[in-house]
């Protein structure tokens, strides 16, 4: 019997249970970036993860600023969506411009802009872009770690120039 004849996978991956969720559509103004940042920090604190509140606020600020500068269309809102499961905090910002996909770049020393996604990539355990019917969603995820022996920050391990695995 081939794999196609066996039917669906007997152990499908289950979606994680959402413990807390917040979704808010925002008008594209600079003032709303700071409101989004403060809201994210407050909610993450209320959800019982004070160790993630600062990182969550910074990620919301960077992703929402990118949406404001590069993703909004006149008259359209951008959305900030926070989702907490037992293992991760997901921060997602959606905008109406699906044709403009973000990517990290090296900014010149005298440039004021251009470092946001480098910050996101360094701070988040995982980040990416998801297409939508209209627009895109850029997300960043932070691992929820428990206990004092669990270090904070990104923990993706990459091979360094010597071929030796090094934490980033």
N, C-alpha and C. Protein backbone atom coordinates (compact mmCIF):
# COMPACT_ATOMS: atom_id res chain seq x y z
N UNK A 1 0.85 -1.18 0.00
CA UNK A 1 0.00 0.00 0.00
C UNK A 1 0.89 1.24 0.00
N UNK A 2 0.59 2.21 -0.85
CA UNK A 2 1.38 3.44 -0.90
C UNK A 2 0.89 4.43 0.14
N UNK A 3 1.69 5.45 0.37
CA UNK A 3 1.32 6.47 1.35
C UNK A 3 0.01 7.15 0.96
N UNK A 4 -0.20 7.34 -0.34
CA UNK A 4 -1.43 8.00 -0.80
C UNK A 4 -2.66 7.14 -0.50
N UNK A 5 -2.49 5.81 -0.52
CA UNK A 5 -3.62 4.92 -0.27
C UNK A 5 -3.92 4.76 1.21
N UNK A 6 -2.96 5.10 2.08
CA UNK A 6 -3.15 4.91 3.51
C UNK A 6 -4.08 5.92 4.13
N UNK A 7 -4.31 7.04 3.48
CA UNK A 7 -5.21 8.05 4.03
C UNK A 7 -4.45 9.09 4.81
N UNK A 8 -5.17 9.86 5.62
CA UNK A 8 -4.53 10.97 6.34
C UNK A 8 -3.57 10.46 7.41
N UNK A 9 -2.65 11.32 7.77
CA UNK A 9 -1.68 11.03 8.82
C UNK A 9 -2.43 10.68 10.10
N UNK A 10 -2.13 9.55 10.73
CA UNK A 10 -2.86 9.16 11.93
C UNK A 10 -2.57 10.06 13.13
N UNK A 11 -1.48 10.82 13.11
CA UNK A 11 -1.15 11.70 14.22
C UNK A 11 -0.99 13.14 13.72
N UNK A 12 -2.11 13.78 13.37
CA UNK A 12 -2.00 15.16 12.88
C UNK A 12 -1.50 16.08 13.98
N UNK A 13 -0.76 17.11 13.57
CA UNK A 13 -0.25 18.08 14.53
C UNK A 13 -1.41 18.93 15.04
N UNK A 14 -1.53 19.02 16.34
CA UNK A 14 -2.61 19.78 16.95
C UNK A 14 -2.23 21.25 17.06
N UNK A 15 -3.20 22.11 16.85
CA UNK A 15 -3.00 23.54 17.06
C UNK A 15 -2.85 23.78 18.55
N UNK A 16 -1.91 24.64 18.95
CA UNK A 16 -1.77 24.92 20.38
C UNK A 16 -3.01 25.65 20.91
N UNK A 17 -3.32 25.40 22.15
CA UNK A 17 -4.47 26.03 22.79
C UNK A 17 -4.12 27.49 23.08
N UNK A 18 -4.97 28.39 22.64
CA UNK A 18 -4.75 29.82 22.86
C UNK A 18 -5.22 30.16 24.28
N UNK A 19 -4.28 30.67 25.09
CA UNK A 19 -4.61 31.04 26.46
C UNK A 19 -5.14 32.46 26.55
N UNK A 20 -4.55 33.36 25.78
CA UNK A 20 -4.99 34.76 25.74
C UNK A 20 -4.80 35.27 24.32
N UNK A 21 -5.66 36.22 23.95
CA UNK A 21 -5.60 36.78 22.61
C UNK A 21 -6.10 38.22 22.64
N UNK A 22 -5.47 39.06 21.84
CA UNK A 22 -5.91 40.44 21.69
C UNK A 22 -5.70 40.85 20.24
N UNK A 23 -6.69 41.49 19.67
CA UNK A 23 -6.63 41.94 18.28
C UNK A 23 -7.25 43.32 18.21
N UNK A 24 -6.50 44.26 17.61
CA UNK A 24 -7.01 45.62 17.52
C UNK A 24 -6.59 46.23 16.19
N UNK A 25 -7.55 46.81 15.48
CA UNK A 25 -7.27 47.54 14.25
C UNK A 25 -6.94 48.98 14.61
N UNK A 26 -5.94 49.53 13.95
CA UNK A 26 -5.44 50.87 14.28
C UNK A 26 -5.40 51.76 13.05
N UNK A 27 -5.66 53.05 13.27
CA UNK A 27 -5.47 53.99 12.18
C UNK A 27 -3.96 54.20 12.01
N UNK A 28 -3.51 54.40 10.78
CA UNK A 28 -2.07 54.51 10.52
C UNK A 28 -1.50 55.87 10.87
N UNK A 29 -1.27 56.08 12.16
CA UNK A 29 -0.62 57.31 12.62
C UNK A 29 0.53 56.94 13.55
N UNK A 30 1.51 57.82 13.64
CA UNK A 30 2.66 57.58 14.51
C UNK A 30 2.23 57.48 15.97
N UNK A 31 1.24 58.23 16.36
CA UNK A 31 0.74 58.18 17.75
C UNK A 31 0.27 56.78 18.10
N UNK A 32 -0.36 56.09 17.16
CA UNK A 32 -0.87 54.76 17.46
C UNK A 32 0.23 53.72 17.63
N UNK A 33 1.42 53.98 17.12
CA UNK A 33 2.53 53.05 17.33
C UNK A 33 2.86 52.98 18.82
N UNK A 34 2.96 54.13 19.47
CA UNK A 34 3.26 54.12 20.91
C UNK A 34 2.10 53.54 21.71
N UNK A 35 0.87 53.76 21.27
CA UNK A 35 -0.27 53.16 21.96
C UNK A 35 -0.24 51.63 21.84
N UNK A 36 0.10 51.14 20.66
CA UNK A 36 0.20 49.69 20.45
C UNK A 36 1.29 49.09 21.32
N UNK A 37 2.42 49.78 21.40
CA UNK A 37 3.55 49.30 22.21
C UNK A 37 3.16 49.21 23.68
N UNK A 38 2.54 50.26 24.21
CA UNK A 38 2.13 50.25 25.62
C UNK A 38 1.04 49.21 25.88
N UNK A 39 0.12 49.07 24.95
CA UNK A 39 -0.95 48.06 25.10
C UNK A 39 -0.35 46.66 25.17
N UNK A 40 0.59 46.36 24.27
CA UNK A 40 1.21 45.03 24.25
C UNK A 40 1.92 44.76 25.57
N UNK A 41 2.70 45.71 26.05
CA UNK A 41 3.42 45.52 27.32
C UNK A 41 2.45 45.28 28.47
N UNK A 42 1.39 46.07 28.52
CA UNK A 42 0.40 45.93 29.60
C UNK A 42 -0.28 44.56 29.54
N UNK A 43 -0.69 44.13 28.35
CA UNK A 43 -1.38 42.84 28.22
C UNK A 43 -0.46 41.67 28.59
N UNK A 44 0.77 41.71 28.13
CA UNK A 44 1.69 40.61 28.44
C UNK A 44 1.96 40.56 29.95
N UNK A 45 2.05 41.71 30.59
CA UNK A 45 2.16 41.73 32.06
C UNK A 45 0.94 41.12 32.71
N UNK A 46 -0.25 41.53 32.25
CA UNK A 46 -1.49 41.00 32.80
C UNK A 46 -1.62 39.50 32.57
N UNK A 47 -1.08 39.02 31.49
CA UNK A 47 -1.15 37.60 31.16
C UNK A 47 -0.13 36.78 31.94
N UNK A 48 0.66 37.45 32.78
CA UNK A 48 1.57 36.73 33.68
C UNK A 48 2.96 36.49 33.16
N UNK A 49 3.42 37.30 32.20
CA UNK A 49 4.76 37.10 31.64
C UNK A 49 5.54 38.42 31.63
N UNK A 50 5.89 38.92 32.82
CA UNK A 50 6.61 40.19 32.88
C UNK A 50 7.97 40.13 32.19
N UNK A 51 8.57 38.95 32.13
CA UNK A 51 9.87 38.81 31.47
C UNK A 51 9.78 38.98 29.95
N UNK A 52 8.59 38.90 29.37
CA UNK A 52 8.41 39.06 27.93
C UNK A 52 7.86 40.43 27.55
N UNK A 53 7.41 41.20 28.53
CA UNK A 53 6.70 42.45 28.23
C UNK A 53 7.56 43.45 27.45
N UNK A 54 8.79 43.64 27.84
CA UNK A 54 9.66 44.59 27.15
C UNK A 54 9.97 44.16 25.72
N UNK A 55 10.28 42.88 25.55
CA UNK A 55 10.55 42.36 24.21
C UNK A 55 9.32 42.46 23.33
N UNK A 56 8.16 42.12 23.90
CA UNK A 56 6.91 42.20 23.13
C UNK A 56 6.63 43.64 22.70
N UNK A 57 6.86 44.59 23.60
CA UNK A 57 6.63 46.00 23.26
C UNK A 57 7.55 46.44 22.13
N UNK A 58 8.81 46.05 22.20
CA UNK A 58 9.75 46.44 21.15
C UNK A 58 9.38 45.79 19.81
N UNK A 59 8.99 44.52 19.83
CA UNK A 59 8.61 43.85 18.58
C UNK A 59 7.36 44.49 17.98
N UNK A 60 6.38 44.79 18.81
CA UNK A 60 5.18 45.47 18.31
C UNK A 60 5.56 46.81 17.69
N UNK A 61 6.41 47.56 18.37
CA UNK A 61 6.81 48.86 17.87
C UNK A 61 7.50 48.76 16.52
N UNK A 62 8.43 47.82 16.37
CA UNK A 62 9.15 47.67 15.10
C UNK A 62 8.23 47.20 13.98
N UNK A 63 7.39 46.19 14.25
CA UNK A 63 6.50 45.67 13.20
C UNK A 63 5.43 46.68 12.82
N UNK A 64 4.87 47.37 13.81
CA UNK A 64 3.84 48.37 13.51
C UNK A 64 4.43 49.57 12.76
N UNK A 65 5.65 49.96 13.12
CA UNK A 65 6.31 51.06 12.40
C UNK A 65 6.55 50.67 10.95
N UNK A 66 6.98 49.44 10.71
CA UNK A 66 7.16 48.99 9.33
C UNK A 66 5.84 49.01 8.57
N UNK A 67 4.75 48.59 9.22
CA UNK A 67 3.44 48.64 8.57
C UNK A 67 3.07 50.07 8.23
N UNK A 68 3.32 50.98 9.16
CA UNK A 68 2.99 52.38 8.93
C UNK A 68 3.82 52.98 7.78
N UNK A 69 5.11 52.69 7.77
CA UNK A 69 5.99 53.28 6.76
C UNK A 69 5.89 52.62 5.39
N UNK A 70 5.65 51.32 5.36
CA UNK A 70 5.75 50.58 4.10
C UNK A 70 4.50 49.81 3.69
N UNK A 71 3.53 49.66 4.58
CA UNK A 71 2.45 48.74 4.26
C UNK A 71 1.05 49.29 4.21
N UNK A 72 0.83 50.46 4.74
CA UNK A 72 -0.55 50.96 4.77
C UNK A 72 -0.92 51.63 3.45
N UNK A 73 -2.18 51.54 3.16
CA UNK A 73 -2.77 52.20 2.00
C UNK A 73 -3.74 53.23 2.57
N UNK A 74 -3.77 54.38 1.96
CA UNK A 74 -4.63 55.46 2.43
C UNK A 74 -6.05 54.96 2.69
N UNK A 75 -6.55 55.28 3.88
CA UNK A 75 -7.90 54.89 4.25
C UNK A 75 -8.01 53.47 4.81
N UNK A 76 -6.91 52.73 4.91
CA UNK A 76 -6.93 51.36 5.43
C UNK A 76 -6.25 51.31 6.79
N UNK A 77 -6.70 50.40 7.63
CA UNK A 77 -6.15 50.22 8.97
C UNK A 77 -5.05 49.17 8.95
N UNK A 78 -4.25 49.14 10.01
CA UNK A 78 -3.35 48.02 10.24
C UNK A 78 -3.78 47.34 11.53
N UNK A 79 -3.51 46.05 11.64
CA UNK A 79 -3.96 45.25 12.78
C UNK A 79 -2.78 44.72 13.56
N UNK A 80 -2.88 44.82 14.89
CA UNK A 80 -1.92 44.18 15.79
C UNK A 80 -2.66 43.06 16.50
N UNK A 81 -2.09 41.87 16.43
CA UNK A 81 -2.73 40.67 16.98
C UNK A 81 -1.73 39.94 17.86
N UNK A 82 -2.04 39.83 19.14
CA UNK A 82 -1.20 39.11 20.10
C UNK A 82 -1.89 37.81 20.47
N UNK A 83 -1.12 36.73 20.48
CA UNK A 83 -1.66 35.43 20.84
C UNK A 83 -0.68 34.74 21.79
N UNK A 84 -1.18 34.30 22.94
CA UNK A 84 -0.35 33.60 23.90
C UNK A 84 -0.82 32.16 24.02
N UNK A 85 0.11 31.22 23.85
CA UNK A 85 -0.15 29.81 24.12
C UNK A 85 0.78 29.41 25.26
N UNK A 86 0.76 28.15 25.63
CA UNK A 86 1.62 27.68 26.72
C UNK A 86 3.10 27.76 26.34
N UNK A 87 3.40 27.78 25.05
CA UNK A 87 4.80 27.72 24.63
C UNK A 87 5.32 28.96 23.90
N UNK A 88 4.41 29.86 23.46
CA UNK A 88 4.90 31.00 22.70
C UNK A 88 3.95 32.19 22.78
N UNK A 89 4.56 33.36 22.59
CA UNK A 89 3.81 34.61 22.42
C UNK A 89 4.02 35.02 20.98
N UNK A 90 2.93 35.12 20.23
CA UNK A 90 3.01 35.49 18.83
C UNK A 90 2.51 36.92 18.68
N UNK A 91 3.30 37.74 18.01
CA UNK A 91 2.97 39.13 17.73
C UNK A 91 2.86 39.24 16.22
N UNK A 92 1.68 39.60 15.74
CA UNK A 92 1.45 39.69 14.30
C UNK A 92 0.90 41.06 13.96
N UNK A 93 1.43 41.66 12.90
CA UNK A 93 0.95 42.95 12.42
C UNK A 93 0.58 42.78 10.96
N UNK A 94 -0.66 43.11 10.63
CA UNK A 94 -1.16 42.95 9.27
C UNK A 94 -1.41 44.32 8.65
N UNK A 95 -1.11 44.41 7.36
CA UNK A 95 -1.39 45.64 6.62
C UNK A 95 -1.93 45.27 5.24
N UNK A 96 -2.31 46.27 4.47
CA UNK A 96 -3.00 46.03 3.20
C UNK A 96 -2.08 45.87 2.00
N UNK A 97 -0.78 46.00 2.17
CA UNK A 97 0.14 45.95 1.03
C UNK A 97 0.83 44.60 0.94
N UNK A 98 0.24 43.68 0.21
CA UNK A 98 0.82 42.36 0.05
C UNK A 98 1.95 42.31 -0.96
N UNK A 99 2.03 43.28 -1.84
CA UNK A 99 3.07 43.27 -2.87
C UNK A 99 4.41 43.78 -2.34
N UNK A 100 4.42 44.40 -1.18
CA UNK A 100 5.67 44.91 -0.59
C UNK A 100 6.06 44.03 0.59
N UNK A 101 6.90 43.04 0.30
CA UNK A 101 7.33 42.11 1.34
C UNK A 101 8.58 42.62 2.03
N UNK A 102 8.61 42.53 3.35
CA UNK A 102 9.76 43.05 4.08
C UNK A 102 10.94 42.08 4.06
N UNK A 103 12.09 42.62 4.29
CA UNK A 103 13.30 41.82 4.42
C UNK A 103 14.35 42.63 5.14
N UNK A 104 15.15 41.99 5.99
CA UNK A 104 16.19 42.74 6.70
C UNK A 104 17.24 43.26 5.73
N UNK A 105 17.82 44.40 6.04
CA UNK A 105 18.88 44.97 5.22
C UNK A 105 19.88 45.65 6.14
N UNK A 106 21.05 45.83 5.64
CA UNK A 106 22.08 46.54 6.39
C UNK A 106 21.92 48.04 6.13
N UNK A 107 21.72 48.79 7.17
CA UNK A 107 21.58 50.24 7.04
C UNK A 107 22.96 50.88 7.17
N UNK A 108 23.16 51.95 6.44
CA UNK A 108 24.40 52.71 6.56
C UNK A 108 24.45 53.36 7.95
N UNK A 109 25.64 53.64 8.42
CA UNK A 109 25.82 54.19 9.76
C UNK A 109 25.10 55.52 9.94
N UNK A 110 24.95 56.31 8.87
CA UNK A 110 24.30 57.62 8.99
C UNK A 110 22.81 57.60 8.66
N UNK A 111 22.24 56.41 8.41
CA UNK A 111 20.81 56.32 8.12
C UNK A 111 20.00 56.24 9.41
N UNK A 112 18.85 56.90 9.41
CA UNK A 112 17.96 56.87 10.57
C UNK A 112 17.06 55.64 10.58
N UNK A 113 16.84 55.06 9.43
CA UNK A 113 15.92 53.93 9.30
C UNK A 113 16.66 52.71 8.76
N UNK A 114 15.97 51.57 8.76
CA UNK A 114 16.52 50.39 8.11
C UNK A 114 17.01 49.30 9.03
N UNK A 115 16.80 49.45 10.34
CA UNK A 115 17.30 48.45 11.27
C UNK A 115 16.20 47.64 11.95
N UNK A 116 14.95 47.97 11.68
CA UNK A 116 13.83 47.35 12.38
C UNK A 116 13.78 45.84 12.28
N UNK A 117 13.89 45.30 11.07
CA UNK A 117 13.80 43.85 10.93
C UNK A 117 15.06 43.15 11.42
N UNK A 118 16.18 43.84 11.46
CA UNK A 118 17.37 43.26 12.08
C UNK A 118 17.14 43.10 13.58
N UNK A 119 16.50 44.07 14.18
CA UNK A 119 16.15 43.99 15.60
C UNK A 119 15.17 42.84 15.82
N UNK A 120 14.14 42.76 14.97
CA UNK A 120 13.15 41.69 15.08
C UNK A 120 13.83 40.32 14.95
N UNK A 121 14.69 40.17 13.96
CA UNK A 121 15.37 38.88 13.74
C UNK A 121 16.25 38.50 14.92
N UNK A 122 16.86 39.47 15.54
CA UNK A 122 17.75 39.19 16.67
C UNK A 122 16.96 38.88 17.94
N UNK A 123 15.86 39.55 18.14
CA UNK A 123 15.10 39.43 19.37
C UNK A 123 14.14 38.24 19.38
N UNK A 124 13.50 37.99 18.25
CA UNK A 124 12.47 36.94 18.18
C UNK A 124 13.11 35.56 18.05
N UNK A 125 12.41 34.57 18.58
CA UNK A 125 12.84 33.19 18.39
C UNK A 125 12.51 32.73 16.97
N UNK A 126 11.48 33.33 16.39
CA UNK A 126 11.07 33.02 15.02
C UNK A 126 10.30 34.20 14.49
N UNK A 127 10.46 34.52 13.20
CA UNK A 127 9.66 35.57 12.59
C UNK A 127 9.47 35.23 11.12
N UNK A 128 8.49 35.87 10.50
CA UNK A 128 8.24 35.61 9.09
C UNK A 128 7.11 36.46 8.55
N UNK A 129 6.75 36.15 7.32
CA UNK A 129 5.70 36.88 6.60
C UNK A 129 4.70 35.87 6.07
N UNK A 130 3.42 36.16 6.24
CA UNK A 130 2.36 35.31 5.71
C UNK A 130 1.48 36.14 4.78
N UNK A 131 1.23 35.63 3.58
CA UNK A 131 0.33 36.37 2.68
C UNK A 131 -1.11 36.28 3.16
N UNK A 132 -1.89 37.28 2.81
CA UNK A 132 -3.33 37.30 3.09
C UNK A 132 -4.04 37.54 1.78
N UNK A 133 -5.34 37.36 1.79
CA UNK A 133 -6.11 37.65 0.59
C UNK A 133 -5.86 39.09 0.15
N UNK A 134 -5.92 39.99 1.09
CA UNK A 134 -5.55 41.39 0.85
C UNK A 134 -4.45 41.73 1.85
N UNK A 135 -3.25 41.95 1.36
CA UNK A 135 -2.16 42.36 2.23
C UNK A 135 -1.29 41.22 2.71
N UNK A 136 -0.66 41.46 3.86
CA UNK A 136 0.26 40.49 4.44
C UNK A 136 0.24 40.62 5.96
N UNK A 137 0.77 39.61 6.61
CA UNK A 137 0.98 39.64 8.05
C UNK A 137 2.44 39.35 8.31
N UNK A 138 3.08 40.20 9.07
CA UNK A 138 4.45 39.97 9.51
C UNK A 138 4.36 39.61 10.99
N UNK A 139 4.99 38.50 11.37
CA UNK A 139 4.87 38.03 12.74
C UNK A 139 6.23 37.79 13.35
N UNK A 140 6.25 37.82 14.68
CA UNK A 140 7.43 37.46 15.47
C UNK A 140 6.93 36.64 16.64
N UNK A 141 7.71 35.65 17.02
CA UNK A 141 7.32 34.79 18.14
C UNK A 141 8.42 34.76 19.19
N UNK A 142 7.97 34.80 20.43
CA UNK A 142 8.86 34.67 21.58
C UNK A 142 8.50 33.38 22.31
N UNK A 143 9.49 32.59 22.65
CA UNK A 143 9.23 31.37 23.40
C UNK A 143 8.88 31.73 24.84
N UNK A 144 7.90 31.04 25.39
CA UNK A 144 7.53 31.21 26.79
C UNK A 144 8.36 30.20 27.56
N UNK A 145 9.27 30.71 28.35
CA UNK A 145 10.15 29.84 29.13
C UNK A 145 9.74 29.90 30.58
N UNK A 146 9.83 28.77 31.22
CA UNK A 146 9.45 28.70 32.63
C UNK A 146 10.68 28.37 33.47
N UNK A 147 10.73 28.94 34.65
CA UNK A 147 11.78 28.62 35.60
C UNK A 147 12.98 29.52 35.49
N UNK A 148 13.71 29.68 36.60
CA UNK A 148 14.86 30.58 36.63
C UNK A 148 16.04 30.08 35.82
N UNK A 149 16.11 28.78 35.52
CA UNK A 149 17.25 28.23 34.78
C UNK A 149 17.08 28.35 33.28
N UNK A 150 15.98 28.91 32.82
CA UNK A 150 15.72 29.04 31.39
C UNK A 150 16.13 30.44 30.94
N UNK A 151 17.22 30.57 30.17
CA UNK A 151 17.66 31.89 29.73
C UNK A 151 16.67 32.51 28.75
N UNK A 152 16.72 33.85 28.67
CA UNK A 152 15.83 34.58 27.76
C UNK A 152 16.59 34.97 26.51
N UNK A 153 15.84 35.36 25.48
CA UNK A 153 16.44 35.83 24.24
C UNK A 153 16.39 34.76 23.17
N UNK A 154 16.82 35.09 21.97
CA UNK A 154 16.75 34.14 20.87
C UNK A 154 17.68 32.95 21.11
N UNK A 155 17.19 31.78 20.77
CA UNK A 155 17.95 30.57 21.04
C UNK A 155 18.07 29.67 19.84
N UNK A 156 17.91 30.22 18.67
CA UNK A 156 18.12 29.45 17.46
C UNK A 156 19.62 29.20 17.35
N UNK A 157 20.01 27.98 17.09
CA UNK A 157 21.42 27.65 17.00
C UNK A 157 21.79 27.57 15.53
N UNK A 158 22.86 28.26 15.15
CA UNK A 158 23.33 28.27 13.77
C UNK A 158 24.78 27.84 13.74
N UNK A 159 25.20 27.29 12.63
CA UNK A 159 26.60 26.94 12.48
C UNK A 159 27.39 28.20 12.19
N UNK A 160 28.46 28.40 12.96
CA UNK A 160 29.31 29.57 12.77
C UNK A 160 30.30 29.33 11.63
N UNK A 161 31.19 30.30 11.37
CA UNK A 161 32.14 30.18 10.28
C UNK A 161 33.05 28.95 10.41
N UNK A 162 33.31 28.53 11.65
CA UNK A 162 34.18 27.37 11.86
C UNK A 162 33.43 26.07 11.67
N UNK A 163 32.10 26.13 11.46
CA UNK A 163 31.29 24.93 11.35
C UNK A 163 30.77 24.47 12.69
N UNK A 164 31.23 25.13 13.77
CA UNK A 164 30.80 24.79 15.12
C UNK A 164 29.45 25.47 15.40
N UNK A 165 28.52 24.78 16.03
CA UNK A 165 27.22 25.34 16.35
C UNK A 165 27.38 26.39 17.43
N UNK A 166 26.84 27.58 17.19
CA UNK A 166 26.92 28.66 18.15
C UNK A 166 25.56 29.28 18.29
N UNK A 167 25.16 29.65 19.54
CA UNK A 167 23.88 30.36 19.67
C UNK A 167 24.02 31.74 19.10
N UNK A 168 22.92 32.24 18.52
CA UNK A 168 23.01 33.58 17.95
C UNK A 168 22.70 34.61 18.97
